[in-house]
Amino acid sequence: MASFDKQIVRDWLAANWDKTGTPPALPAEIVARTAERYRELLSRLTS
């Protein structure tokens, strides 16, 4: 079963942010991939 947590976001931030200052905006691809995982989870729960 696929992971449905925010690991995609965590991994991107770990590679692209030094944890100082404001975090960078997430690229559209990361947002889209994360949203798709949550849509899949919603579908599984409501189907």
PDB file of N, CA and C in Angstrom:
ATOM      1  N   MET A   1       0.843  -1.184   0.000  1.00  0.00           N
ATOM      2  CA  MET A   1       0.000   0.000   0.000  1.00  0.00           C
ATOM      3  C   MET A   1       0.887   1.245   0.000  1.00  0.00           C
ATOM      4  N   ALA A   2       0.502   2.220  -0.757  1.00  0.00           N
ATOM      5  CA  ALA A   2       1.267   3.460  -0.853  1.00  0.00           C
ATOM      6  C   ALA A   2       1.176   4.248   0.445  1.00  0.00           C
ATOM      7  N   SER A   3       2.206   5.021   0.697  1.00  0.00           N
ATOM      8  CA  SER A   3       2.213   5.898   1.860  1.00  0.00           C
ATOM      9  C   SER A   3       1.357   7.126   1.574  1.00  0.00           C
ATOM     10  N   PHE A   4       0.534   7.523   2.538  1.00  0.00           N
ATOM     11  CA  PHE A   4      -0.338   8.675   2.331  1.00  0.00           C
ATOM     12  C   PHE A   4       0.034   9.841   3.241  1.00  0.00           C
ATOM     13  N   ASP A   5       1.239   9.827   3.764  1.00  0.00           N
ATOM     14  CA  ASP A   5       1.639  10.960   4.579  1.00  0.00           C
ATOM     15  C   ASP A   5       2.274  12.047   3.706  1.00  0.00           C
ATOM     16  N   LYS A   6       2.865  13.016   4.343  1.00  0.00           N
ATOM     17  CA  LYS A   6       3.441  14.155   3.624  1.00  0.00           C
ATOM     18  C   LYS A   6       4.921  13.939   3.304  1.00  0.00           C
ATOM     19  N   GLN A   7       5.349  12.689   3.148  1.00  0.00           N
ATOM     20  CA  GLN A   7       6.767  12.423   2.939  1.00  0.00           C
ATOM     21  C   GLN A   7       7.303  13.076   1.673  1.00  0.00           C
ATOM     22  N   ILE A   8       6.506  13.184   0.639  1.00  0.00           N
ATOM     23  CA  ILE A   8       6.942  13.854  -0.593  1.00  0.00           C
ATOM     24  C   ILE A   8       7.362  15.284  -0.267  1.00  0.00           C
ATOM     25  N   VAL A   9       6.548  15.956   0.534  1.00  0.00           N
ATOM     26  CA  VAL A   9       6.842  17.340   0.928  1.00  0.00           C
ATOM     27  C   VAL A   9       8.083  17.373   1.814  1.00  0.00           C
ATOM     28  N   ARG A  10       8.159  16.484   2.782  1.00  0.00           N
ATOM     29  CA  ARG A  10       9.324  16.446   3.679  1.00  0.00           C
ATOM     30  C   ARG A  10      10.613  16.218   2.900  1.00  0.00           C
ATOM     31  N   ASP A  11      10.588  15.277   1.983  1.00  0.00           N
ATOM     32  CA  ASP A  11      11.788  14.979   1.191  1.00  0.00           C
ATOM     33  C   ASP A  11      12.222  16.186   0.371  1.00  0.00           C
ATOM     34  N   TRP A  12      11.263  16.868  -0.260  1.00  0.00           N
ATOM     35  CA  TRP A  12      11.604  18.030  -1.081  1.00  0.00           C
ATOM     36  C   TRP A  12      12.196  19.137  -0.214  1.00  0.00           C
ATOM     37  N   LEU A  13      11.575  19.388   0.933  1.00  0.00           N
ATOM     38  CA  LEU A  13      12.092  20.435   1.820  1.00  0.00           C
ATOM     39  C   LEU A  13      13.479  20.081   2.352  1.00  0.00           C
ATOM     40  N   ALA A  14      13.711  18.824   2.686  1.00  0.00           N
ATOM     41  CA  ALA A  14      15.023  18.411   3.184  1.00  0.00           C
ATOM     42  C   ALA A  14      16.111  18.656   2.145  1.00  0.00           C
ATOM     43  N   ALA A  15      15.769  18.490   0.880  1.00  0.00           N
ATOM     44  CA  ALA A  15      16.748  18.667  -0.194  1.00  0.00           C
ATOM     45  C   ALA A  15      16.890  20.112  -0.654  1.00  0.00           C
ATOM     46  N   ASN A  16      15.903  20.965  -0.339  1.00  0.00           N
ATOM     47  CA  ASN A  16      15.884  22.303  -0.932  1.00  0.00           C
ATOM     48  C   ASN A  16      15.772  23.451   0.063  1.00  0.00           C
ATOM     49  N   TRP A  17      15.880  23.177   1.349  1.00  0.00           N
ATOM     50  CA  TRP A  17      15.741  24.234   2.350  1.00  0.00           C
ATOM     51  C   TRP A  17      16.693  23.961   3.497  1.00  0.00           C
ATOM     52  N   ASP A  18      17.431  24.984   3.916  1.00  0.00           N
ATOM     53  CA  ASP A  18      18.395  24.822   5.008  1.00  0.00           C
ATOM     54  C   ASP A  18      17.787  25.084   6.390  1.00  0.00           C
ATOM     55  N   LYS A  19      16.481  25.192   6.464  1.00  0.00           N
ATOM     56  CA  LYS A  19      15.714  25.385   7.699  1.00  0.00           C
ATOM     57  C   LYS A  19      15.998  26.717   8.378  1.00  0.00           C
ATOM     58  N   THR A  20      16.483  27.681   7.616  1.00  0.00           N
ATOM     59  CA  THR A  20      16.615  29.034   8.136  1.00  0.00           C
ATOM     60  C   THR A  20      15.685  29.924   7.336  1.00  0.00           C
ATOM     61  N   GLY A  21      15.088  30.857   8.015  1.00  0.00           N
ATOM     62  CA  GLY A  21      14.167  31.754   7.331  1.00  0.00           C
ATOM     63  C   GLY A  21      12.876  31.053   6.948  1.00  0.00           C
ATOM     64  N   THR A  22      12.146  31.717   6.098  1.00  0.00           N
ATOM     65  CA  THR A  22      10.871  31.194   5.621  1.00  0.00           C
ATOM     66  C   THR A  22      11.114  30.054   4.637  1.00  0.00           C
ATOM     67  N   PRO A  23      10.382  28.955   4.759  1.00  0.00           N
ATOM     68  CA  PRO A  23      10.565  27.865   3.795  1.00  0.00           C
ATOM     69  C   PRO A  23      10.184  28.320   2.391  1.00  0.00           C
ATOM     70  N   PRO A  24      10.828  27.748   1.387  1.00  0.00           N
ATOM     71  CA  PRO A  24      10.495  28.112   0.004  1.00  0.00           C
ATOM     72  C   PRO A  24       9.116  27.577  -0.377  1.00  0.00           C
ATOM     73  N   ALA A  25       8.522  28.225  -1.352  1.00  0.00           N
ATOM     74  CA  ALA A  25       7.250  27.733  -1.886  1.00  0.00           C
ATOM     75  C   ALA A  25       7.487  26.380  -2.543  1.00  0.00           C
ATOM     76  N   LEU A  26       6.539  25.497  -2.382  1.00  0.00           N
ATOM     77  CA  LEU A  26       6.655  24.182  -3.007  1.00  0.00           C
ATOM     78  C   LEU A  26       6.376  24.294  -4.499  1.00  0.00           C
ATOM     79  N   PRO A  27       7.134  23.571  -5.310  1.00  0.00           N
ATOM     80  CA  PRO A  27       6.853  23.557  -6.743  1.00  0.00           C
ATOM     81  C   PRO A  27       5.484  22.925  -7.020  1.00  0.00           C
ATOM     82  N   ALA A  28       4.884  23.337  -8.100  1.00  0.00           N
ATOM     83  CA  ALA A  28       3.563  22.826  -8.479  1.00  0.00           C
ATOM     84  C   ALA A  28       3.559  21.301  -8.576  1.00  0.00           C
ATOM     85  N   GLU A  29       4.642  20.706  -9.050  1.00  0.00           N
ATOM     86  CA  GLU A  29       4.711  19.246  -9.181  1.00  0.00           C
ATOM     87  C   GLU A  29       4.579  18.558  -7.817  1.00  0.00           C
ATOM     88  N   ILE A  30       5.235  19.090  -6.806  1.00  0.00           N
ATOM     89  CA  ILE A  30       5.170  18.502  -5.462  1.00  0.00           C
ATOM     90  C   ILE A  30       3.761  18.644  -4.894  1.00  0.00           C
ATOM     91  N   VAL A  31       3.164  19.809  -5.072  1.00  0.00           N
ATOM     92  CA  VAL A  31       1.792  20.033  -4.611  1.00  0.00           C
ATOM     93  C   VAL A  31       0.844  19.068  -5.321  1.00  0.00           C
ATOM     94  N   ALA A  32       0.996  18.926  -6.625  1.00  0.00           N
ATOM     95  CA  ALA A  32       0.115  18.051  -7.406  1.00  0.00           C
ATOM     96  C   ALA A  32       0.270  16.591  -6.992  1.00  0.00           C
ATOM     97  N   ARG A  33       1.502  16.142  -6.788  1.00  0.00           N
ATOM     98  CA  ARG A  33       1.723  14.743  -6.387  1.00  0.00           C
ATOM     99  C   ARG A  33       1.128  14.463  -5.014  1.00  0.00           C
ATOM    100  N   THR A  34       1.291  15.406  -4.093  1.00  0.00           N
ATOM    101  CA  THR A  34       0.735  15.239  -2.754  1.00  0.00           C
ATOM    102  C   THR A  34      -0.789  15.239  -2.805  1.00  0.00           C
ATOM    103  N   ALA A  35      -1.363  16.169  -3.551  1.00  0.00           N
ATOM    104  CA  ALA A  35      -2.822  16.243  -3.676  1.00  0.00           C
ATOM    105  C   ALA A  35      -3.381  14.966  -4.293  1.00  0.00           C
ATOM    106  N   GLU A  36      -2.694  14.422  -5.279  1.00  0.00           N
ATOM    107  CA  GLU A  36      -3.164  13.192  -5.921  1.00  0.00           C
ATOM    108  C   GLU A  36      -3.197  12.038  -4.923  1.00  0.00           C
ATOM    109  N   ARG A  37      -2.216  11.958  -4.060  1.00  0.00           N
ATOM    110  CA  ARG A  37      -2.216  10.893  -3.046  1.00  0.00           C
ATOM    111  C   ARG A  37      -3.412  11.023  -2.114  1.00  0.00           C
ATOM    112  N   TYR A  38      -3.721  12.250  -1.728  1.00  0.00           N
ATOM    113  CA  TYR A  38      -4.869  12.447  -0.837  1.00  0.00           C
ATOM    114  C   TYR A  38      -6.190  12.212  -1.558  1.00  0.00           C
ATOM    115  N   ARG A  39      -6.274  12.541  -2.845  1.00  0.00           N
ATOM    116  CA  ARG A  39      -7.490  12.224  -3.610  1.00  0.00           C
ATOM    117  C   ARG A  39      -7.674  10.712  -3.695  1.00  0.00           C
ATOM    118  N   GLU A  40      -6.570   9.999  -3.896  1.00  0.00           N
ATOM    119  CA  GLU A  40      -6.642   8.539  -3.954  1.00  0.00           C
ATOM    120  C   GLU A  40      -7.124   7.976  -2.616  1.00  0.00           C
ATOM    121  N   LEU A  41      -6.614   8.503  -1.533  1.00  0.00           N
ATOM    122  CA  LEU A  41      -7.046   8.049  -0.213  1.00  0.00           C
ATOM    123  C   LEU A  41      -8.532   8.329  -0.004  1.00  0.00           C
ATOM    124  N   LEU A  42      -8.985   9.523  -0.354  1.00  0.00           N
ATOM    125  CA  LEU A  42     -10.405   9.863  -0.224  1.00  0.00           C
ATOM    126  C   LEU A  42     -11.263   8.890  -1.026  1.00  0.00           C
ATOM    127  N   SER A  43     -10.820   8.574  -2.230  1.00  0.00           N
ATOM    128  CA  SER A  43     -11.557   7.641  -3.070  1.00  0.00           C
ATOM    129  C   SER A  43     -11.643   6.264  -2.415  1.00  0.00           C
ATOM    130  N   ARG A  44     -10.546   5.810  -1.844  1.00  0.00           N
ATOM    131  CA  ARG A  44     -10.553   4.504  -1.178  1.00  0.00           C
ATOM    132  C   ARG A  44     -11.489   4.489   0.027  1.00  0.00           C
ATOM    133  N   LEU A  45     -11.531   5.593   0.743  1.00  0.00           N
ATOM    134  CA  LEU A  45     -12.363   5.653   1.943  1.00  0.00           C
ATOM    135  C   LEU A  45     -13.843   5.800   1.638  1.00  0.00           C
ATOM    136  N   THR A  46     -14.161   6.398   0.504  1.00  0.00           N
ATOM    137  CA  THR A  46     -15.563   6.688   0.205  1.00  0.00           C
ATOM    138  C   THR A  46     -16.149   5.808  -0.890  1.00  0.00           C
ATOM    139  N   SER A  47     -15.376   4.884  -1.414  1.00  0.00           N
ATOM    140  CA  SER A  47     -15.885   4.008  -2.483  1.00  0.00           C
ATOM    141  C   SER A  47     -16.464   2.736  -1.910  1.00  0.00           C
TER     142      SER A  47
END
